[in-house]
Amino acid sequence: MEPGNASIVDDMMTLRTLLEKRSDADLLREMIGFTAQRLMELQVQGLTGTGCGERSPDRINQCNGDRVWETRAGTVELKIPK
């Protein structure tokens, strides 16, 4: 399996777990958080060539910490990349 495919499989398993274990409101909030987090990680990976938490000799930044995002579906906690 190619490295990118493993990430897709992991993401699909995470979504499946959310579907099986959450109420509708919790599910919507979790899906919003999951999607936003994944999009930010993909953007960082595209800009730096490494994902959040991965190390590279050229990389000088790291994730900036946790932030709270208030949505109509409720509060979503995110790890914001620098």
PDB file of N, CA and C in Angstrom:
ATOM      1  N   MET A   1       0.836  -1.176   0.000  1.00  0.00           N
ATOM      2  CA  MET A   1       0.000   0.000   0.000  1.00  0.00           C
ATOM      3  C   MET A   1       0.881   1.240   0.000  1.00  0.00           C
ATOM      4  N   GLU A   2       0.537   2.229  -0.808  1.00  0.00           N
ATOM      5  CA  GLU A   2       1.306   3.465  -0.882  1.00  0.00           C
ATOM      6  C   GLU A   2       1.081   4.290   0.381  1.00  0.00           C
ATOM      7  N   PRO A   3       2.066   5.141   0.799  1.00  0.00           N
ATOM      8  CA  PRO A   3       1.935   5.919   2.020  1.00  0.00           C
ATOM      9  C   PRO A   3       0.674   6.773   2.063  1.00  0.00           C
ATOM     10  N   GLY A   4       0.296   7.397   0.976  1.00  0.00           N
ATOM     11  CA  GLY A   4      -0.902   8.233   0.945  1.00  0.00           C
ATOM     12  C   GLY A   4      -2.170   7.431   1.146  1.00  0.00           C
ATOM     13  N   ASN A   5      -2.190   6.185   0.653  1.00  0.00           N
ATOM     14  CA  ASN A   5      -3.361   5.330   0.795  1.00  0.00           C
ATOM     15  C   ASN A   5      -3.589   4.917   2.243  1.00  0.00           C
ATOM     16  N   ALA A   6      -2.525   4.721   2.999  1.00  0.00           N
ATOM     17  CA  ALA A   6      -2.668   4.361   4.408  1.00  0.00           C
ATOM     18  C   ALA A   6      -3.380   5.466   5.163  1.00  0.00           C
ATOM     19  N   SER A   7      -3.070   6.711   4.854  1.00  0.00           N
ATOM     20  CA  SER A   7      -3.718   7.842   5.502  1.00  0.00           C
ATOM     21  C   SER A   7      -5.199   7.877   5.164  1.00  0.00           C
ATOM     22  N   ILE A   8      -5.557   7.604   3.920  1.00  0.00           N
ATOM     23  CA  ILE A   8      -6.955   7.594   3.507  1.00  0.00           C
ATOM     24  C   ILE A   8      -7.718   6.495   4.229  1.00  0.00           C
ATOM     25  N   VAL A   9      -7.115   5.323   4.348  1.00  0.00           N
ATOM     26  CA  VAL A   9      -7.750   4.212   5.055  1.00  0.00           C
ATOM     27  C   VAL A   9      -7.942   4.571   6.524  1.00  0.00           C
ATOM     28  N   ASP A  10      -6.930   5.172   7.148  1.00  0.00           N
ATOM     29  CA  ASP A  10      -7.044   5.595   8.544  1.00  0.00           C
ATOM     30  C   ASP A  10      -8.173   6.608   8.710  1.00  0.00           C
ATOM     31  N   ASP A  11      -8.269   7.567   7.787  1.00  0.00           N
ATOM     32  CA  ASP A  11      -9.329   8.573   7.842  1.00  0.00           C
ATOM     33  C   ASP A  11     -10.704   7.925   7.721  1.00  0.00           C
ATOM     34  N   MET A  12     -10.839   6.961   6.819  1.00  0.00           N
ATOM     35  CA  MET A  12     -12.120   6.275   6.634  1.00  0.00           C
ATOM     36  C   MET A  12     -12.501   5.492   7.879  1.00  0.00           C
ATOM     37  N   MET A  13     -11.536   4.857   8.517  1.00  0.00           N
ATOM     38  CA  MET A  13     -11.809   4.109   9.738  1.00  0.00           C
ATOM     39  C   MET A  13     -12.228   5.051  10.868  1.00  0.00           C
ATOM     40  N   THR A  14     -11.592   6.220  10.946  1.00  0.00           N
ATOM     41  CA  THR A  14     -11.953   7.200  11.960  1.00  0.00           C
ATOM     42  C   THR A  14     -13.389   7.662  11.750  1.00  0.00           C
ATOM     43  N   LEU A  15     -13.772   7.960  10.514  1.00  0.00           N
ATOM     44  CA  LEU A  15     -15.142   8.375  10.226  1.00  0.00           C
ATOM     45  C   LEU A  15     -16.131   7.260  10.543  1.00  0.00           C
ATOM     46  N   ARG A  16     -15.792   6.032  10.214  1.00  0.00           N
ATOM     47  CA  ARG A  16     -16.675   4.904  10.515  1.00  0.00           C
ATOM     48  C   ARG A  16     -16.881   4.775  12.022  1.00  0.00           C
ATOM     49  N   THR A  17     -15.814   4.933  12.783  1.00  0.00           N
ATOM     50  CA  THR A  17     -15.916   4.866  14.243  1.00  0.00           C
ATOM     51  C   THR A  17     -16.834   5.966  14.765  1.00  0.00           C
ATOM     52  N   LEU A  18     -16.700   7.180  14.226  1.00  0.00           N
ATOM     53  CA  LEU A  18     -17.565   8.283  14.633  1.00  0.00           C
ATOM     54  C   LEU A  18     -19.030   7.970  14.351  1.00  0.00           C
ATOM     55  N   LEU A  19     -19.310   7.408  13.196  1.00  0.00           N
ATOM     56  CA  LEU A  19     -20.683   7.082  12.819  1.00  0.00           C
ATOM     57  C   LEU A  19     -21.296   6.062  13.763  1.00  0.00           C
ATOM     58  N   GLU A  20     -20.512   5.124  14.213  1.00  0.00           N
ATOM     59  CA  GLU A  20     -21.019   4.048  15.049  1.00  0.00           C
ATOM     60  C   GLU A  20     -21.222   4.461  16.505  1.00  0.00           C
ATOM     61  N   LYS A  21     -20.498   5.461  16.988  1.00  0.00           N
ATOM     62  CA  LYS A  21     -20.471   5.739  18.418  1.00  0.00           C
ATOM     63  C   LYS A  21     -21.119   7.050  18.848  1.00  0.00           C
ATOM     64  N   ARG A  22     -21.578   7.887  17.951  1.00  0.00           N
ATOM     65  CA  ARG A  22     -22.022   9.229  18.329  1.00  0.00           C
ATOM     66  C   ARG A  22     -23.488   9.475  18.042  1.00  0.00           C
ATOM     67  N   SER A  23     -24.097  10.408  18.809  1.00  0.00           N
ATOM     68  CA  SER A  23     -25.428  10.890  18.491  1.00  0.00           C
ATOM     69  C   SER A  23     -25.319  11.821  17.288  1.00  0.00           C
ATOM     70  N   ASP A  24     -26.442  12.237  16.730  1.00  0.00           N
ATOM     71  CA  ASP A  24     -26.429  13.090  15.541  1.00  0.00           C
ATOM     72  C   ASP A  24     -25.699  14.415  15.786  1.00  0.00           C
ATOM     73  N   ALA A  25     -25.973  15.085  16.907  1.00  0.00           N
ATOM     74  CA  ALA A  25     -25.322  16.364  17.199  1.00  0.00           C
ATOM     75  C   ALA A  25     -23.826  16.176  17.407  1.00  0.00           C
ATOM     76  N   ASP A  26     -23.464  15.148  18.157  1.00  0.00           N
ATOM     77  CA  ASP A  26     -22.049  14.857  18.385  1.00  0.00           C
ATOM     78  C   ASP A  26     -21.366  14.491  17.074  1.00  0.00           C
ATOM     79  N   LEU A  27     -22.054  13.716  16.256  1.00  0.00           N
ATOM     80  CA  LEU A  27     -21.492  13.297  14.978  1.00  0.00           C
ATOM     81  C   LEU A  27     -21.201  14.492  14.089  1.00  0.00           C
ATOM     82  N   LEU A  28     -22.152  15.419  13.988  1.00  0.00           N
ATOM     83  CA  LEU A  28     -21.948  16.601  13.158  1.00  0.00           C
ATOM     84  C   LEU A  28     -20.759  17.415  13.655  1.00  0.00           C
ATOM     85  N   ARG A  29     -20.676  17.624  14.948  1.00  0.00           N
ATOM     86  CA  ARG A  29     -19.569  18.384  15.545  1.00  0.00           C
ATOM     87  C   ARG A  29     -18.239  17.684  15.286  1.00  0.00           C
ATOM     88  N   GLU A  30     -18.197  16.375  15.469  1.00  0.00           N
ATOM     89  CA  GLU A  30     -16.969  15.616  15.236  1.00  0.00           C
ATOM     90  C   GLU A  30     -16.564  15.649  13.768  1.00  0.00           C
ATOM     91  N   MET A  31     -17.545  15.557  12.872  1.00  0.00           N
ATOM     92  CA  MET A  31     -17.240  15.580  11.439  1.00  0.00           C
ATOM     93  C   MET A  31     -16.696  16.946  11.017  1.00  0.00           C
ATOM     94  N   ILE A  32     -17.261  18.020  11.557  1.00  0.00           N
ATOM     95  CA  ILE A  32     -16.757  19.362  11.264  1.00  0.00           C
ATOM     96  C   ILE A  32     -15.309  19.476  11.738  1.00  0.00           C
ATOM     97  N   GLY A  33     -15.054  19.042  12.972  1.00  0.00           N
ATOM     98  CA  GLY A  33     -13.700  19.107  13.517  1.00  0.00           C
ATOM     99  C   GLY A  33     -12.723  18.245  12.734  1.00  0.00           C
ATOM    100  N   PHE A  34     -13.139  17.034  12.402  1.00  0.00           N
ATOM    101  CA  PHE A  34     -12.288  16.116  11.645  1.00  0.00           C
ATOM    102  C   PHE A  34     -11.934  16.710  10.290  1.00  0.00           C
ATOM    103  N   THR A  35     -12.934  17.236   9.589  1.00  0.00           N
ATOM    104  CA  THR A  35     -12.719  17.794   8.252  1.00  0.00           C
ATOM    105  C   THR A  35     -11.822  19.020   8.307  1.00  0.00           C
ATOM    106  N   ALA A  36     -12.088  19.933   9.229  1.00  0.00           N
ATOM    107  CA  ALA A  36     -11.262  21.139   9.345  1.00  0.00           C
ATOM    108  C   ALA A  36      -9.826  20.777   9.693  1.00  0.00           C
ATOM    109  N   GLN A  37      -9.651  19.840  10.630  1.00  0.00           N
ATOM    110  CA  GLN A  37      -8.312  19.431  11.036  1.00  0.00           C
ATOM    111  C   GLN A  37      -7.557  18.804   9.873  1.00  0.00           C
ATOM    112  N   ARG A  38      -8.228  17.941   9.137  1.00  0.00           N
ATOM    113  CA  ARG A  38      -7.581  17.260   8.003  1.00  0.00           C
ATOM    114  C   ARG A  38      -7.200  18.253   6.913  1.00  0.00           C
ATOM    115  N   LEU A  39      -8.072  19.223   6.630  1.00  0.00           N
ATOM    116  CA  LEU A  39      -7.755  20.234   5.619  1.00  0.00           C
ATOM    117  C   LEU A  39      -6.547  21.066   6.024  1.00  0.00           C
ATOM    118  N   MET A  40      -6.472  21.441   7.303  1.00  0.00           N
ATOM    119  CA  MET A  40      -5.311  22.208   7.771  1.00  0.00           C
ATOM    120  C   MET A  40      -4.039  21.380   7.662  1.00  0.00           C
ATOM    121  N   GLU A  41      -4.118  20.108   8.032  1.00  0.00           N
ATOM    122  CA  GLU A  41      -2.940  19.241   7.945  1.00  0.00           C
ATOM    123  C   GLU A  41      -2.479  19.079   6.500  1.00  0.00           C
ATOM    124  N   LEU A  42      -3.419  18.923   5.579  1.00  0.00           N
ATOM    125  CA  LEU A  42      -3.058  18.799   4.168  1.00  0.00           C
ATOM    126  C   LEU A  42      -2.428  20.077   3.633  1.00  0.00           C
ATOM    127  N   GLN A  43      -2.925  21.225   4.082  1.00  0.00           N
ATOM    128  CA  GLN A  43      -2.339  22.492   3.654  1.00  0.00           C
ATOM    129  C   GLN A  43      -0.908  22.627   4.168  1.00  0.00           C
ATOM    130  N   VAL A  44      -0.687  22.290   5.425  1.00  0.00           N
ATOM    131  CA  VAL A  44       0.661  22.347   5.995  1.00  0.00           C
ATOM    132  C   VAL A  44       1.587  21.378   5.263  1.00  0.00           C
ATOM    133  N   GLN A  45       1.093  20.173   5.009  1.00  0.00           N
ATOM    134  CA  GLN A  45       1.904  19.185   4.309  1.00  0.00           C
ATOM    135  C   GLN A  45       2.266  19.679   2.917  1.00  0.00           C
ATOM    136  N   GLY A  46       1.333  20.330   2.234  1.00  0.00           N
ATOM    137  CA  GLY A  46       1.621  20.863   0.903  1.00  0.00           C
ATOM    138  C   GLY A  46       2.637  21.991   0.927  1.00  0.00           C
ATOM    139  N   LEU A  47       2.603  22.808   1.962  1.00  0.00           N
ATOM    140  CA  LEU A  47       3.521  23.948   2.058  1.00  0.00           C
ATOM    141  C   LEU A  47       4.906  23.560   2.551  1.00  0.00           C
ATOM    142  N   THR A  48       4.960  22.580   3.476  1.00  0.00           N
ATOM    143  CA  THR A  48       6.240  22.244   4.103  1.00  0.00           C
ATOM    144  C   THR A  48       6.846  20.932   3.614  1.00  0.00           C
ATOM    145  N   GLY A  49       6.034  20.102   3.011  1.00  0.00           N
ATOM    146  CA  GLY A  49       6.523  18.790   2.581  1.00  0.00           C
ATOM    147  C   GLY A  49       6.512  17.759   3.692  1.00  0.00           C
ATOM    148  N   THR A  50       6.110  18.147   4.904  1.00  0.00           N
ATOM    149  CA  THR A  50       5.972  17.220   6.027  1.00  0.00           C
ATOM    150  C   THR A  50       4.668  17.514   6.743  1.00  0.00           C
ATOM    151  N   GLY A  51       4.102  16.499   7.367  1.00  0.00           N
ATOM    152  CA  GLY A  51       2.856  16.675   8.101  1.00  0.00           C
ATOM    153  C   GLY A  51       3.093  17.232   9.490  1.00  0.00           C
ATOM    154  N   CYS A  52       2.009  17.582  10.166  1.00  0.00           N
ATOM    155  CA  CYS A  52       2.082  18.087  11.532  1.00  0.00           C
ATOM    156  C   CYS A  52       2.691  17.016  12.432  1.00  0.00           C
ATOM    157  N   GLY A  53       3.712  17.361  13.176  1.00  0.00           N
ATOM    158  CA  GLY A  53       4.382  16.424  14.058  1.00  0.00           C
ATOM    159  C   GLY A  53       5.552  15.697  13.422  1.00  0.00           C
ATOM    160  N   GLU A  54       5.656  15.755  12.104  1.00  0.00           N
ATOM    161  CA  GLU A  54       6.776  15.120  11.419  1.00  0.00           C
ATOM    162  C   GLU A  54       7.962  16.072  11.393  1.00  0.00           C
ATOM    163  N   ARG A  55       9.145  15.523  11.363  1.00  0.00           N
ATOM    164  CA  ARG A  55      10.357  16.331  11.370  1.00  0.00           C
ATOM    165  C   ARG A  55      11.049  16.273  10.018  1.00  0.00           C
ATOM    166  N   SER A  56      11.675  17.381   9.671  1.00  0.00           N
ATOM    167  CA  SER A  56      12.437  17.485   8.438  1.00  0.00           C
ATOM    168  C   SER A  56      13.574  18.463   8.714  1.00  0.00           C
ATOM    169  N   PRO A  57      14.750  18.272   8.123  1.00  0.00           N
ATOM    170  CA  PRO A  57      15.853  19.208   8.342  1.00  0.00           C
ATOM    171  C   PRO A  57      15.511  20.629   7.889  1.00  0.00           C
ATOM    172  N   ASP A  58      14.610  20.754   6.913  1.00  0.00           N
ATOM    173  CA  ASP A  58      14.247  22.073   6.399  1.00  0.00           C
ATOM    174  C   ASP A  58      13.137  22.744   7.194  1.00  0.00           C
ATOM    175  N   ARG A  59      12.460  21.995   8.015  1.00  0.00           N
ATOM    176  CA  ARG A  59      11.292  22.531   8.724  1.00  0.00           C
ATOM    177  C   ARG A  59      11.713  23.199  10.026  1.00  0.00           C
ATOM    178  N   ILE A  60      11.215  24.427  10.242  1.00  0.00           N
ATOM    179  CA  ILE A  60      11.532  25.143  11.476  1.00  0.00           C
ATOM    180  C   ILE A  60      10.303  25.395  12.333  1.00  0.00           C
ATOM    181  N   ASN A  61       9.086  25.208  11.800  1.00  0.00           N
ATOM    182  CA  ASN A  61       7.855  25.436  12.540  1.00  0.00           C
ATOM    183  C   ASN A  61       7.281  24.142  13.077  1.00  0.00           C
ATOM    184  N   GLN A  62       6.317  24.278  13.979  1.00  0.00           N
ATOM    185  CA  GLN A  62       5.597  23.134  14.510  1.00  0.00           C
ATOM    186  C   GLN A  62       4.149  23.556  14.749  1.00  0.00           C
ATOM    187  N   CYS A  63       3.306  22.614  15.183  1.00  0.00           N
ATOM    188  CA  CYS A  63       1.911  22.971  15.451  1.00  0.00           C
ATOM    189  C   CYS A  63       1.859  24.020  16.551  1.00  0.00           C
ATOM    190  N   ASN A  64       0.938  24.952  16.386  1.00  0.00           N
ATOM    191  CA  ASN A  64       0.863  26.116  17.243  1.00  0.00           C
ATOM    192  C   ASN A  64       0.034  25.888  18.500  1.00  0.00           C
ATOM    193  N   GLY A  65      -0.643  24.785  18.612  1.00  0.00           N
ATOM    194  CA  GLY A  65      -1.400  24.502  19.818  1.00  0.00           C
ATOM    195  C   GLY A  65      -2.882  24.334  19.567  1.00  0.00           C
ATOM    196  N   ASP A  66      -3.626  24.182  20.656  1.00  0.00           N
ATOM    197  CA  ASP A  66      -5.060  23.942  20.578  1.00  0.00           C
ATOM    198  C   ASP A  66      -5.837  25.249  20.528  1.00  0.00           C
ATOM    199  N   ARG A  67      -6.897  25.239  19.757  1.00  0.00           N
ATOM    200  CA  ARG A  67      -7.799  26.383  19.664  1.00  0.00           C
ATOM    201  C   ARG A  67      -9.223  25.866  19.703  1.00  0.00           C
ATOM    202  N   VAL A  68     -10.126  26.689  20.179  1.00  0.00           N
ATOM    203  CA  VAL A  68     -11.540  26.357  20.223  1.00  0.00           C
ATOM    204  C   VAL A  68     -12.243  27.128  19.114  1.00  0.00           C
ATOM    205  N   TRP A  69     -13.087  26.435  18.369  1.00  0.00           N
ATOM    206  CA  TRP A  69     -13.846  27.039  17.276  1.00  0.00           C
ATOM    207  C   TRP A  69     -15.319  26.852  17.593  1.00  0.00           C
ATOM    208  N   GLU A  70     -16.031  27.968  17.767  1.00  0.00           N
ATOM    209  CA  GLU A  70     -17.460  27.916  18.044  1.00  0.00           C
ATOM    210  C   GLU A  70     -18.221  27.856  16.726  1.00  0.00           C
ATOM    211  N   THR A  71     -19.000  26.792  16.517  1.00  0.00           N
ATOM    212  CA  THR A  71     -19.808  26.627  15.310  1.00  0.00           C
ATOM    213  C   THR A  71     -21.273  26.506  15.718  1.00  0.00           C
ATOM    214  N   ARG A  72     -22.167  26.547  14.746  1.00  0.00           N
ATOM    215  CA  ARG A  72     -23.591  26.340  15.054  1.00  0.00           C
ATOM    216  C   ARG A  72     -23.846  24.928  15.560  1.00  0.00           C
ATOM    217  N   ALA A  73     -22.958  24.017  15.250  1.00  0.00           N
ATOM    218  CA  ALA A  73     -23.099  22.645  15.717  1.00  0.00           C
ATOM    219  C   ALA A  73     -22.511  22.447  17.109  1.00  0.00           C
ATOM    220  N   GLY A  74     -21.831  23.454  17.629  1.00  0.00           N
ATOM    221  CA  GLY A  74     -21.214  23.365  18.947  1.00  0.00           C
ATOM    222  C   GLY A  74     -19.738  23.704  18.892  1.00  0.00           C
ATOM    223  N   THR A  75     -19.063  23.496  19.999  1.00  0.00           N
ATOM    224  CA  THR A  75     -17.645  23.818  20.131  1.00  0.00           C
ATOM    225  C   THR A  75     -16.794  22.702  19.529  1.00  0.00           C
ATOM    226  N   VAL A  76     -15.829  23.109  18.680  1.00  0.00           N
ATOM    227  CA  VAL A  76     -14.917  22.179  18.039  1.00  0.00           C
ATOM    228  C   VAL A  76     -13.508  22.547  18.468  1.00  0.00           C
ATOM    229  N   GLU A  77     -12.748  21.578  18.975  1.00  0.00           N
ATOM    230  CA  GLU A  77     -11.351  21.825  19.357  1.00  0.00           C
ATOM    231  C   GLU A  77     -10.441  21.417  18.214  1.00  0.00           C
ATOM    232  N   LEU A  78      -9.505  22.304  17.859  1.00  0.00           N
ATOM    233  CA  LEU A  78      -8.595  22.076  16.752  1.00  0.00           C
ATOM    234  C   LEU A  78      -7.148  22.275  17.192  1.00  0.00           C
ATOM    235  N   LYS A  79      -6.233  21.580  16.542  1.00  0.00           N
ATOM    236  CA  LYS A  79      -4.795  21.822  16.705  1.00  0.00           C
ATOM    237  C   LYS A  79      -4.383  22.654  15.488  1.00  0.00           C
ATOM    238  N   ILE A  80      -4.000  23.892  15.751  1.00  0.00           N
ATOM    239  CA  ILE A  80      -3.714  24.832  14.673  1.00  0.00           C
ATOM    240  C   ILE A  80      -2.234  24.781  14.298  1.00  0.00           C
ATOM    241  N   PRO A  81      -1.940  24.502  13.019  1.00  0.00           N
ATOM    242  CA  PRO A  81      -0.543  24.539  12.568  1.00  0.00           C
ATOM    243  C   PRO A  81      -0.079  25.963  12.402  1.00  0.00           C
ATOM    244  N   LYS A  82       1.209  26.190  12.546  1.00  0.00           N
ATOM    245  CA  LYS A  82       1.813  27.510  12.332  1.00  0.00           C
ATOM    246  C   LYS A  82       2.058  27.715  10.867  1.00  0.00           C
TER     247      LYS A  82
END
